[in-house]
């Protein structure tokens, strides 16, 4: 399945979006595809980044086990017939 909404690339990111991408690289070590798509609306993207960091990064307050989080991702992609 291809993306219906194209994500913003690093080269296209400017202003608040570039700042958000830089923060994502610092907090998560990468910029998630969903983050790139949400960046079409910087206010939404700015809300999303701390949420993801809090859920996934132990240094940002995540309390769930890494294996459990990965299992949830695998189960969700399997249920949705997603190869991602």
PDB file of N, CA and C in Angstrom:
ATOM      1  N   UNK A   1       0.840  -1.165   0.000  1.00  0.00           N
ATOM      2  CA  UNK A   1       0.000   0.000   0.000  1.00  0.00           C
ATOM      3  C   UNK A   1       0.894   1.240   0.000  1.00  0.00           C
ATOM      4  N   UNK A   2       0.612   2.160  -0.861  1.00  0.00           N
ATOM      5  CA  UNK A   2       1.408   3.385  -0.924  1.00  0.00           C
ATOM      6  C   UNK A   2       0.772   4.464  -0.061  1.00  0.00           C
ATOM      7  N   UNK A   3       1.569   5.421   0.295  1.00  0.00           N
ATOM      8  CA  UNK A   3       1.068   6.532   1.096  1.00  0.00           C
ATOM      9  C   UNK A   3       0.119   7.382   0.267  1.00  0.00           C
ATOM     10  N   UNK A   4      -0.955   7.791   0.874  1.00  0.00           N
ATOM     11  CA  UNK A   4      -1.897   8.687   0.196  1.00  0.00           C
ATOM     12  C   UNK A   4      -1.529  10.141   0.434  1.00  0.00           C
ATOM     13  N   UNK A   5      -0.928  10.391   1.573  1.00  0.00           N
ATOM     14  CA  UNK A   5      -0.457  11.738   1.884  1.00  0.00           C
ATOM     15  C   UNK A   5       1.058  11.666   1.981  1.00  0.00           C
ATOM     16  N   UNK A   6       1.721  12.416   1.149  1.00  0.00           N
ATOM     17  CA  UNK A   6       3.177  12.401   1.110  1.00  0.00           C
ATOM     18  C   UNK A   6       3.727  13.136   2.321  1.00  0.00           C
ATOM     19  N   UNK A   7       4.735  12.540   2.930  1.00  0.00           N
ATOM     20  CA  UNK A   7       5.383  13.164   4.076  1.00  0.00           C
ATOM     21  C   UNK A   7       6.354  14.247   3.646  1.00  0.00           C
ATOM     22  N   UNK A   8       6.612  15.160   4.536  1.00  0.00           N
ATOM     23  CA  UNK A   8       7.564  16.238   4.277  1.00  0.00           C
ATOM     24  C   UNK A   8       8.976  15.689   4.408  1.00  0.00           C
ATOM     25  N   UNK A   9       9.807  15.963   3.431  1.00  0.00           N
ATOM     26  CA  UNK A   9      11.188  15.481   3.444  1.00  0.00           C
ATOM     27  C   UNK A   9      12.062  16.426   4.268  1.00  0.00           C
ATOM     28  N   UNK A  10      13.265  15.962   4.595  1.00  0.00           N
ATOM     29  CA  UNK A  10      14.207  16.803   5.333  1.00  0.00           C
ATOM     30  C   UNK A  10      14.518  18.076   4.547  1.00  0.00           C
ATOM     31  N   UNK A  11      14.642  17.953   3.238  1.00  0.00           N
ATOM     32  CA  UNK A  11      14.975  19.110   2.398  1.00  0.00           C
ATOM     33  C   UNK A  11      13.835  20.131   2.363  1.00  0.00           C
ATOM     34  N   UNK A  12      12.605  19.669   2.501  1.00  0.00           N
ATOM     35  CA  UNK A  12      11.440  20.567   2.464  1.00  0.00           C
ATOM     36  C   UNK A  12      11.164  21.213   3.821  1.00  0.00           C
ATOM     37  N   UNK A  13      11.670  20.623   4.882  1.00  0.00           N
ATOM     38  CA  UNK A  13      11.378  21.117   6.233  1.00  0.00           C
ATOM     39  C   UNK A  13      12.032  22.474   6.455  1.00  0.00           C
ATOM     40  N   UNK A  14      11.242  23.428   6.924  1.00  0.00           N
ATOM     41  CA  UNK A  14      11.744  24.763   7.215  1.00  0.00           C
ATOM     42  C   UNK A  14      11.003  25.321   8.424  1.00  0.00           C
ATOM     43  N   UNK A  15      11.623  26.247   9.100  1.00  0.00           N
ATOM     44  CA  UNK A  15      10.984  26.908  10.237  1.00  0.00           C
ATOM     45  C   UNK A  15      10.610  25.936  11.341  1.00  0.00           C
ATOM     46  N   UNK A  16       9.350  26.006  11.814  1.00  0.00           N
ATOM     47  CA  UNK A  16       8.914  25.133  12.916  1.00  0.00           C
ATOM     48  C   UNK A  16       9.005  23.647  12.570  1.00  0.00           C
ATOM     49  N   UNK A  17       8.799  23.306  11.308  1.00  0.00           N
ATOM     50  CA  UNK A  17       8.877  21.902  10.903  1.00  0.00           C
ATOM     51  C   UNK A  17      10.306  21.392  11.022  1.00  0.00           C
ATOM     52  N   UNK A  18      11.263  22.199  10.623  1.00  0.00           N
ATOM     53  CA  UNK A  18      12.668  21.799  10.757  1.00  0.00           C
ATOM     54  C   UNK A  18      13.037  21.644  12.227  1.00  0.00           C
ATOM     55  N   UNK A  19      12.568  22.570  13.055  1.00  0.00           N
ATOM     56  CA  UNK A  19      12.824  22.472  14.503  1.00  0.00           C
ATOM     57  C   UNK A  19      12.234  21.180  15.062  1.00  0.00           C
ATOM     58  N   UNK A  20      11.046  20.834  14.604  1.00  0.00           N
ATOM     59  CA  UNK A  20      10.391  19.609  15.050  1.00  0.00           C
ATOM     60  C   UNK A  20      11.160  18.373  14.602  1.00  0.00           C
ATOM     61  N   UNK A  21      11.656  18.381  13.367  1.00  0.00           N
ATOM     62  CA  UNK A  21      12.453  17.255  12.870  1.00  0.00           C
ATOM     63  C   UNK A  21      13.737  17.117  13.673  1.00  0.00           C
ATOM     64  N   UNK A  22      14.371  18.232  13.992  1.00  0.00           N
ATOM     65  CA  UNK A  22      15.591  18.192  14.807  1.00  0.00           C
ATOM     66  C   UNK A  22      15.296  17.616  16.192  1.00  0.00           C
ATOM     67  N   UNK A  23      14.181  18.039  16.787  1.00  0.00           N
ATOM     68  CA  UNK A  23      13.794  17.527  18.105  1.00  0.00           C
ATOM     69  C   UNK A  23      13.486  16.036  18.035  1.00  0.00           C
ATOM     70  N   UNK A  24      12.843  15.610  16.962  1.00  0.00           N
ATOM     71  CA  UNK A  24      12.528  14.188  16.793  1.00  0.00           C
ATOM     72  C   UNK A  24      13.805  13.366  16.696  1.00  0.00           C
ATOM     73  N   UNK A  25      14.782  13.855  15.959  1.00  0.00           N
ATOM     74  CA  UNK A  25      16.061  13.153  15.855  1.00  0.00           C
ATOM     75  C   UNK A  25      16.742  13.042  17.215  1.00  0.00           C
ATOM     76  N   UNK A  26      16.630  14.082  18.021  1.00  0.00           N
ATOM     77  CA  UNK A  26      17.244  14.061  19.353  1.00  0.00           C
ATOM     78  C   UNK A  26      16.489  13.112  20.278  1.00  0.00           C
ATOM     79  N   UNK A  27      15.157  13.205  20.292  1.00  0.00           N
ATOM     80  CA  UNK A  27      14.352  12.418  21.226  1.00  0.00           C
ATOM     81  C   UNK A  27      14.224  10.955  20.827  1.00  0.00           C
ATOM     82  N   UNK A  28      14.055  10.698  19.526  1.00  0.00           N
ATOM     83  CA  UNK A  28      13.767   9.340  19.070  1.00  0.00           C
ATOM     84  C   UNK A  28      14.875   8.726  18.231  1.00  0.00           C
ATOM     85  N   UNK A  29      15.800   9.547  17.778  1.00  0.00           N
ATOM     86  CA  UNK A  29      16.871   9.041  16.928  1.00  0.00           C
ATOM     87  C   UNK A  29      16.491   8.934  15.469  1.00  0.00           C
ATOM     88  N   UNK A  30      15.288   9.393  15.133  1.00  0.00           N
ATOM     89  CA  UNK A  30      14.817   9.350  13.746  1.00  0.00           C
ATOM     90  C   UNK A  30      13.557  10.189  13.629  1.00  0.00           C
ATOM     91  N   UNK A  31      13.081  10.316  12.396  1.00  0.00           N
ATOM     92  CA  UNK A  31      11.816  11.002  12.151  1.00  0.00           C
ATOM     93  C   UNK A  31      10.856   9.962  11.589  1.00  0.00           C
ATOM     94  N   UNK A  32       9.820   9.657  12.329  1.00  0.00           N
ATOM     95  CA  UNK A  32       8.860   8.642  11.916  1.00  0.00           C
ATOM     96  C   UNK A  32       8.069   9.118  10.696  1.00  0.00           C
ATOM     97  N   UNK A  33       7.638   8.167   9.883  1.00  0.00           N
ATOM     98  CA  UNK A  33       6.839   8.515   8.708  1.00  0.00           C
ATOM     99  C   UNK A  33       5.584   9.283   9.091  1.00  0.00           C
ATOM    100  N   UNK A  34       4.912   8.858  10.160  1.00  0.00           N
ATOM    101  CA  UNK A  34       3.711   9.574  10.594  1.00  0.00           C
ATOM    102  C   UNK A  34       4.049  11.003  11.012  1.00  0.00           C
ATOM    103  N   UNK A  35       5.196  11.190  11.609  1.00  0.00           N
ATOM    104  CA  UNK A  35       5.628  12.542  11.985  1.00  0.00           C
ATOM    105  C   UNK A  35       5.789  13.409  10.741  1.00  0.00           C
ATOM    106  N   UNK A  36       6.339  12.837   9.690  1.00  0.00           N
ATOM    107  CA  UNK A  36       6.515  13.580   8.434  1.00  0.00           C
ATOM    108  C   UNK A  36       5.165  13.972   7.827  1.00  0.00           C
ATOM    109  N   UNK A  37       4.195  13.069   7.918  1.00  0.00           N
ATOM    110  CA  UNK A  37       2.867  13.353   7.368  1.00  0.00           C
ATOM    111  C   UNK A  37       2.158  14.401   8.220  1.00  0.00           C
ATOM    112  N   UNK A  38       2.216  14.235   9.537  1.00  0.00           N
ATOM    113  CA  UNK A  38       1.556  15.193  10.426  1.00  0.00           C
ATOM    114  C   UNK A  38       2.173  16.583  10.337  1.00  0.00           C
ATOM    115  N   UNK A  39       3.390  16.667   9.844  1.00  0.00           N
ATOM    116  CA  UNK A  39       4.076  17.956   9.762  1.00  0.00           C
ATOM    117  C   UNK A  39       3.454  18.900   8.742  1.00  0.00           C
ATOM    118  N   UNK A  40       2.506  18.411   7.967  1.00  0.00           N
ATOM    119  CA  UNK A  40       1.740  19.325   7.112  1.00  0.00           C
ATOM    120  C   UNK A  40       0.927  20.276   7.990  1.00  0.00           C
ATOM    121  N   UNK A  41       0.656  19.856   9.217  1.00  0.00           N
ATOM    122  CA  UNK A  41       0.008  20.695  10.223  1.00  0.00           C
ATOM    123  C   UNK A  41       0.944  20.755  11.432  1.00  0.00           C
ATOM    124  N   UNK A  42       1.837  21.734  11.479  1.00  0.00           N
ATOM    125  CA  UNK A  42       2.858  21.776  12.533  1.00  0.00           C
ATOM    126  C   UNK A  42       2.305  21.728  13.955  1.00  0.00           C
ATOM    127  N   UNK A  43       1.115  22.285  14.188  1.00  0.00           N
ATOM    128  CA  UNK A  43       0.553  22.238  15.543  1.00  0.00           C
ATOM    129  C   UNK A  43       0.229  20.809  15.955  1.00  0.00           C
ATOM    130  N   UNK A  44      -0.303  20.023  15.032  1.00  0.00           N
ATOM    131  CA  UNK A  44      -0.601  18.619  15.329  1.00  0.00           C
ATOM    132  C   UNK A  44       0.699  17.844  15.515  1.00  0.00           C
ATOM    133  N   UNK A  45       1.646  18.077  14.648  1.00  0.00           N
ATOM    134  CA  UNK A  45       2.924  17.367  14.720  1.00  0.00           C
ATOM    135  C   UNK A  45       3.651  17.684  16.023  1.00  0.00           C
ATOM    136  N   UNK A  46       3.560  18.925  16.464  1.00  0.00           N
ATOM    137  CA  UNK A  46       4.226  19.324  17.705  1.00  0.00           C
ATOM    138  C   UNK A  46       3.596  18.632  18.912  1.00  0.00           C
ATOM    139  N   UNK A  47       2.302  18.351  18.853  1.00  0.00           N
ATOM    140  CA  UNK A  47       1.613  17.622  19.918  1.00  0.00           C
ATOM    141  C   UNK A  47       1.995  16.138  19.895  1.00  0.00           C
ATOM    142  N   UNK A  48       2.156  15.581  18.700  1.00  0.00           N
ATOM    143  CA  UNK A  48       2.384  14.148  18.526  1.00  0.00           C
ATOM    144  C   UNK A  48       3.759  13.702  19.039  1.00  0.00           C
ATOM    145  N   UNK A  49       4.783  14.479  18.814  1.00  0.00           N
ATOM    146  CA  UNK A  49       6.147  14.080  19.168  1.00  0.00           C
ATOM    147  C   UNK A  49       6.314  13.761  20.661  1.00  0.00           C
ATOM    148  N   UNK A  50       5.874  14.617  21.583  1.00  0.00           N
ATOM    149  CA  UNK A  50       6.041  14.263  22.999  1.00  0.00           C
ATOM    150  C   UNK A  50       5.234  13.026  23.394  1.00  0.00           C
ATOM    151  N   UNK A  51       4.083  12.827  22.757  1.00  0.00           N
ATOM    152  CA  UNK A  51       3.280  11.644  23.046  1.00  0.00           C
ATOM    153  C   UNK A  51       4.041  10.376  22.670  1.00  0.00           C
ATOM    154  N   UNK A  52       4.592  10.351  21.470  1.00  0.00           N
ATOM    155  CA  UNK A  52       5.349   9.183  21.020  1.00  0.00           C
ATOM    156  C   UNK A  52       6.573   8.965  21.899  1.00  0.00           C
ATOM    157  N   UNK A  53       7.254  10.031  22.227  1.00  0.00           N
ATOM    158  CA  UNK A  53       8.443   9.908  23.075  1.00  0.00           C
ATOM    159  C   UNK A  53       8.060   9.343  24.445  1.00  0.00           C
ATOM    160  N   UNK A  54       6.951   9.805  25.012  1.00  0.00           N
ATOM    161  CA  UNK A  54       6.535   9.330  26.329  1.00  0.00           C
ATOM    162  C   UNK A  54       6.120   7.871  26.305  1.00  0.00           C
ATOM    163  N   UNK A  55       5.574   7.417  25.196  1.00  0.00           N
ATOM    164  CA  UNK A  55       5.144   6.025  25.079  1.00  0.00           C
ATOM    165  C   UNK A  55       6.317   5.101  24.773  1.00  0.00           C
ATOM    166  N   UNK A  56       7.255   5.559  23.957  1.00  0.00           N
ATOM    167  CA  UNK A  56       8.303   4.670  23.455  1.00  0.00           C
ATOM    168  C   UNK A  56       9.660   4.809  24.128  1.00  0.00           C
ATOM    169  N   UNK A  57       9.979   5.970  24.667  1.00  0.00           N
ATOM    170  CA  UNK A  57      11.330   6.205  25.180  1.00  0.00           C
ATOM    171  C   UNK A  57      11.362   6.139  26.704  1.00  0.00           C
ATOM    172  N   UNK A  58      12.101   5.200  27.266  1.00  0.00           N
ATOM    173  CA  UNK A  58      12.198   5.114  28.738  1.00  0.00           C
ATOM    174  C   UNK A  58      12.705   6.412  29.373  1.00  0.00           C
ATOM    175  N   UNK A  59      13.586   7.128  28.693  1.00  0.00           N
ATOM    176  CA  UNK A  59      14.116   8.374  29.255  1.00  0.00           C
ATOM    177  C   UNK A  59      13.071   9.490  29.257  1.00  0.00           C
ATOM    178  N   UNK A  60      11.968   9.287  28.518  1.00  0.00           N
ATOM    179  CA  UNK A  60      10.899  10.290  28.469  1.00  0.00           C
ATOM    180  C   UNK A  60       9.689   9.864  29.289  1.00  0.00           C
ATOM    181  N   UNK A  61       9.813   8.775  30.030  1.00  0.00           N
ATOM    182  CA  UNK A  61       8.742   8.369  30.918  1.00  0.00           C
ATOM    183  C   UNK A  61       8.003   7.094  30.541  1.00  0.00           C
ATOM    184  N   UNK A  62       8.408   6.415  29.475  1.00  0.00           N
ATOM    185  CA  UNK A  62       7.730   5.173  29.085  1.00  0.00           C
ATOM    186  C   UNK A  62       7.881   4.131  30.186  1.00  0.00           C
ATOM    187  N   UNK A  63       6.784   3.487  30.527  1.00  0.00           N
ATOM    188  CA  UNK A  63       6.835   2.488  31.587  1.00  0.00           C
ATOM    189  C   UNK A  63       6.571   1.072  31.075  1.00  0.00           C
ATOM    190  N   UNK A  64       6.144   0.958  29.817  1.00  0.00           N
ATOM    191  CA  UNK A  64       5.880  -0.373  29.275  1.00  0.00           C
ATOM    192  C   UNK A  64       7.181  -1.024  28.800  1.00  0.00           C
ATOM    193  N   UNK A  65       7.180  -2.337  28.830  1.00  0.00           N
ATOM    194  CA  UNK A  65       8.329  -3.121  28.420  1.00  0.00           C
ATOM    195  C   UNK A  65       8.538  -3.003  26.905  1.00  0.00           C
ATOM    196  N   UNK A  66       9.788  -2.945  26.483  1.00  0.00           N
ATOM    197  CA  UNK A  66      10.113  -2.831  25.060  1.00  0.00           C
ATOM    198  C   UNK A  66       9.505  -3.986  24.265  1.00  0.00           C
ATOM    199  N   UNK A  67       9.596  -5.189  24.798  1.00  0.00           N
ATOM    200  CA  UNK A  67       9.051  -6.357  24.096  1.00  0.00           C
ATOM    201  C   UNK A  67       7.533  -6.218  23.921  1.00  0.00           C
ATOM    202  N   UNK A  68       6.843  -5.704  24.931  1.00  0.00           N
ATOM    203  CA  UNK A  68       5.397  -5.523  24.845  1.00  0.00           C
ATOM    204  C   UNK A  68       5.041  -4.482  23.787  1.00  0.00           C
ATOM    205  N   UNK A  69       5.789  -3.384  23.735  1.00  0.00           N
ATOM    206  CA  UNK A  69       5.532  -2.359  22.712  1.00  0.00           C
ATOM    207  C   UNK A  69       5.751  -2.920  21.314  1.00  0.00           C
ATOM    208  N   UNK A  70       6.833  -3.685  21.133  1.00  0.00           N
ATOM    209  CA  UNK A  70       7.104  -4.279  19.818  1.00  0.00           C
ATOM    210  C   UNK A  70       6.033  -5.299  19.442  1.00  0.00           C
ATOM    211  N   UNK A  71       5.563  -6.073  20.407  1.00  0.00           N
ATOM    212  CA  UNK A  71       4.501  -7.031  20.156  1.00  0.00           C
ATOM    213  C   UNK A  71       3.220  -6.318  19.725  1.00  0.00           C
ATOM    214  N   UNK A  72       2.907  -5.202  20.362  1.00  0.00           N
ATOM    215  CA  UNK A  72       1.726  -4.427  19.978  1.00  0.00           C
ATOM    216  C   UNK A  72       1.848  -3.928  18.538  1.00  0.00           C
ATOM    217  N   UNK A  73       3.034  -3.483  18.136  1.00  0.00           N
ATOM    218  CA  UNK A  73       3.254  -3.031  16.755  1.00  0.00           C
ATOM    219  C   UNK A  73       3.087  -4.183  15.775  1.00  0.00           C
ATOM    220  N   UNK A  74       3.662  -5.328  16.102  1.00  0.00           N
ATOM    221  CA  UNK A  74       3.549  -6.494  15.220  1.00  0.00           C
ATOM    222  C   UNK A  74       2.104  -6.964  15.100  1.00  0.00           C
ATOM    223  N   UNK A  75       1.393  -7.025  16.216  1.00  0.00           N
ATOM    224  CA  UNK A  75       0.008  -7.470  16.211  1.00  0.00           C
ATOM    225  C   UNK A  75      -0.854  -6.519  15.386  1.00  0.00           C
ATOM    226  N   UNK A  76      -0.666  -5.232  15.567  1.00  0.00           N
ATOM    227  CA  UNK A  76      -1.442  -4.241  14.827  1.00  0.00           C
ATOM    228  C   UNK A  76      -1.182  -4.349  13.332  1.00  0.00           C
ATOM    229  N   UNK A  77       0.070  -4.501  12.941  1.00  0.00           N
ATOM    230  CA  UNK A  77       0.376  -4.603  11.507  1.00  0.00           C
ATOM    231  C   UNK A  77      -0.156  -5.899  10.932  1.00  0.00           C
ATOM    232  N   UNK A  78      -0.141  -6.981  11.701  1.00  0.00           N
ATOM    233  CA  UNK A  78      -0.673  -8.258  11.234  1.00  0.00           C
ATOM    234  C   UNK A  78      -2.176  -8.193  11.040  1.00  0.00           C
ATOM    235  N   UNK A  79      -2.878  -7.625  12.013  1.00  0.00           N
ATOM    236  CA  UNK A  79      -4.328  -7.493  11.920  1.00  0.00           C
ATOM    237  C   UNK A  79      -4.736  -6.666  10.712  1.00  0.00           C
ATOM    238  N   UNK A  80      -3.927  -5.657  10.393  1.00  0.00           N
ATOM    239  CA  UNK A  80      -4.241  -4.759   9.294  1.00  0.00           C
ATOM    240  C   UNK A  80      -3.599  -5.193   7.965  1.00  0.00           C
ATOM    241  N   UNK A  81      -3.045  -6.411   7.919  1.00  0.00           N
ATOM    242  CA  UNK A  81      -2.399  -6.920   6.708  1.00  0.00           C
ATOM    243  C   UNK A  81      -1.352  -5.942   6.176  1.00  0.00           C
ATOM    244  N   UNK A  82      -0.574  -5.405   7.084  1.00  0.00           N
ATOM    245  CA  UNK A  82       0.427  -4.414   6.736  1.00  0.00           C
ATOM    246  C   UNK A  82       1.814  -5.057   6.774  1.00  0.00           C
ATOM    247  N   UNK A  83       2.583  -4.905   5.735  1.00  0.00           N
ATOM    248  CA  UNK A  83       3.935  -5.451   5.693  1.00  0.00           C
ATOM    249  C   UNK A  83       4.947  -4.569   6.404  1.00  0.00           C
ATOM    250  N   UNK A  84       4.519  -3.428   6.887  1.00  0.00           N
ATOM    251  CA  UNK A  84       5.405  -2.484   7.553  1.00  0.00           C
ATOM    252  C   UNK A  84       5.812  -3.067   8.861  1.00  0.00           C
TER     253      UNK A  84
END
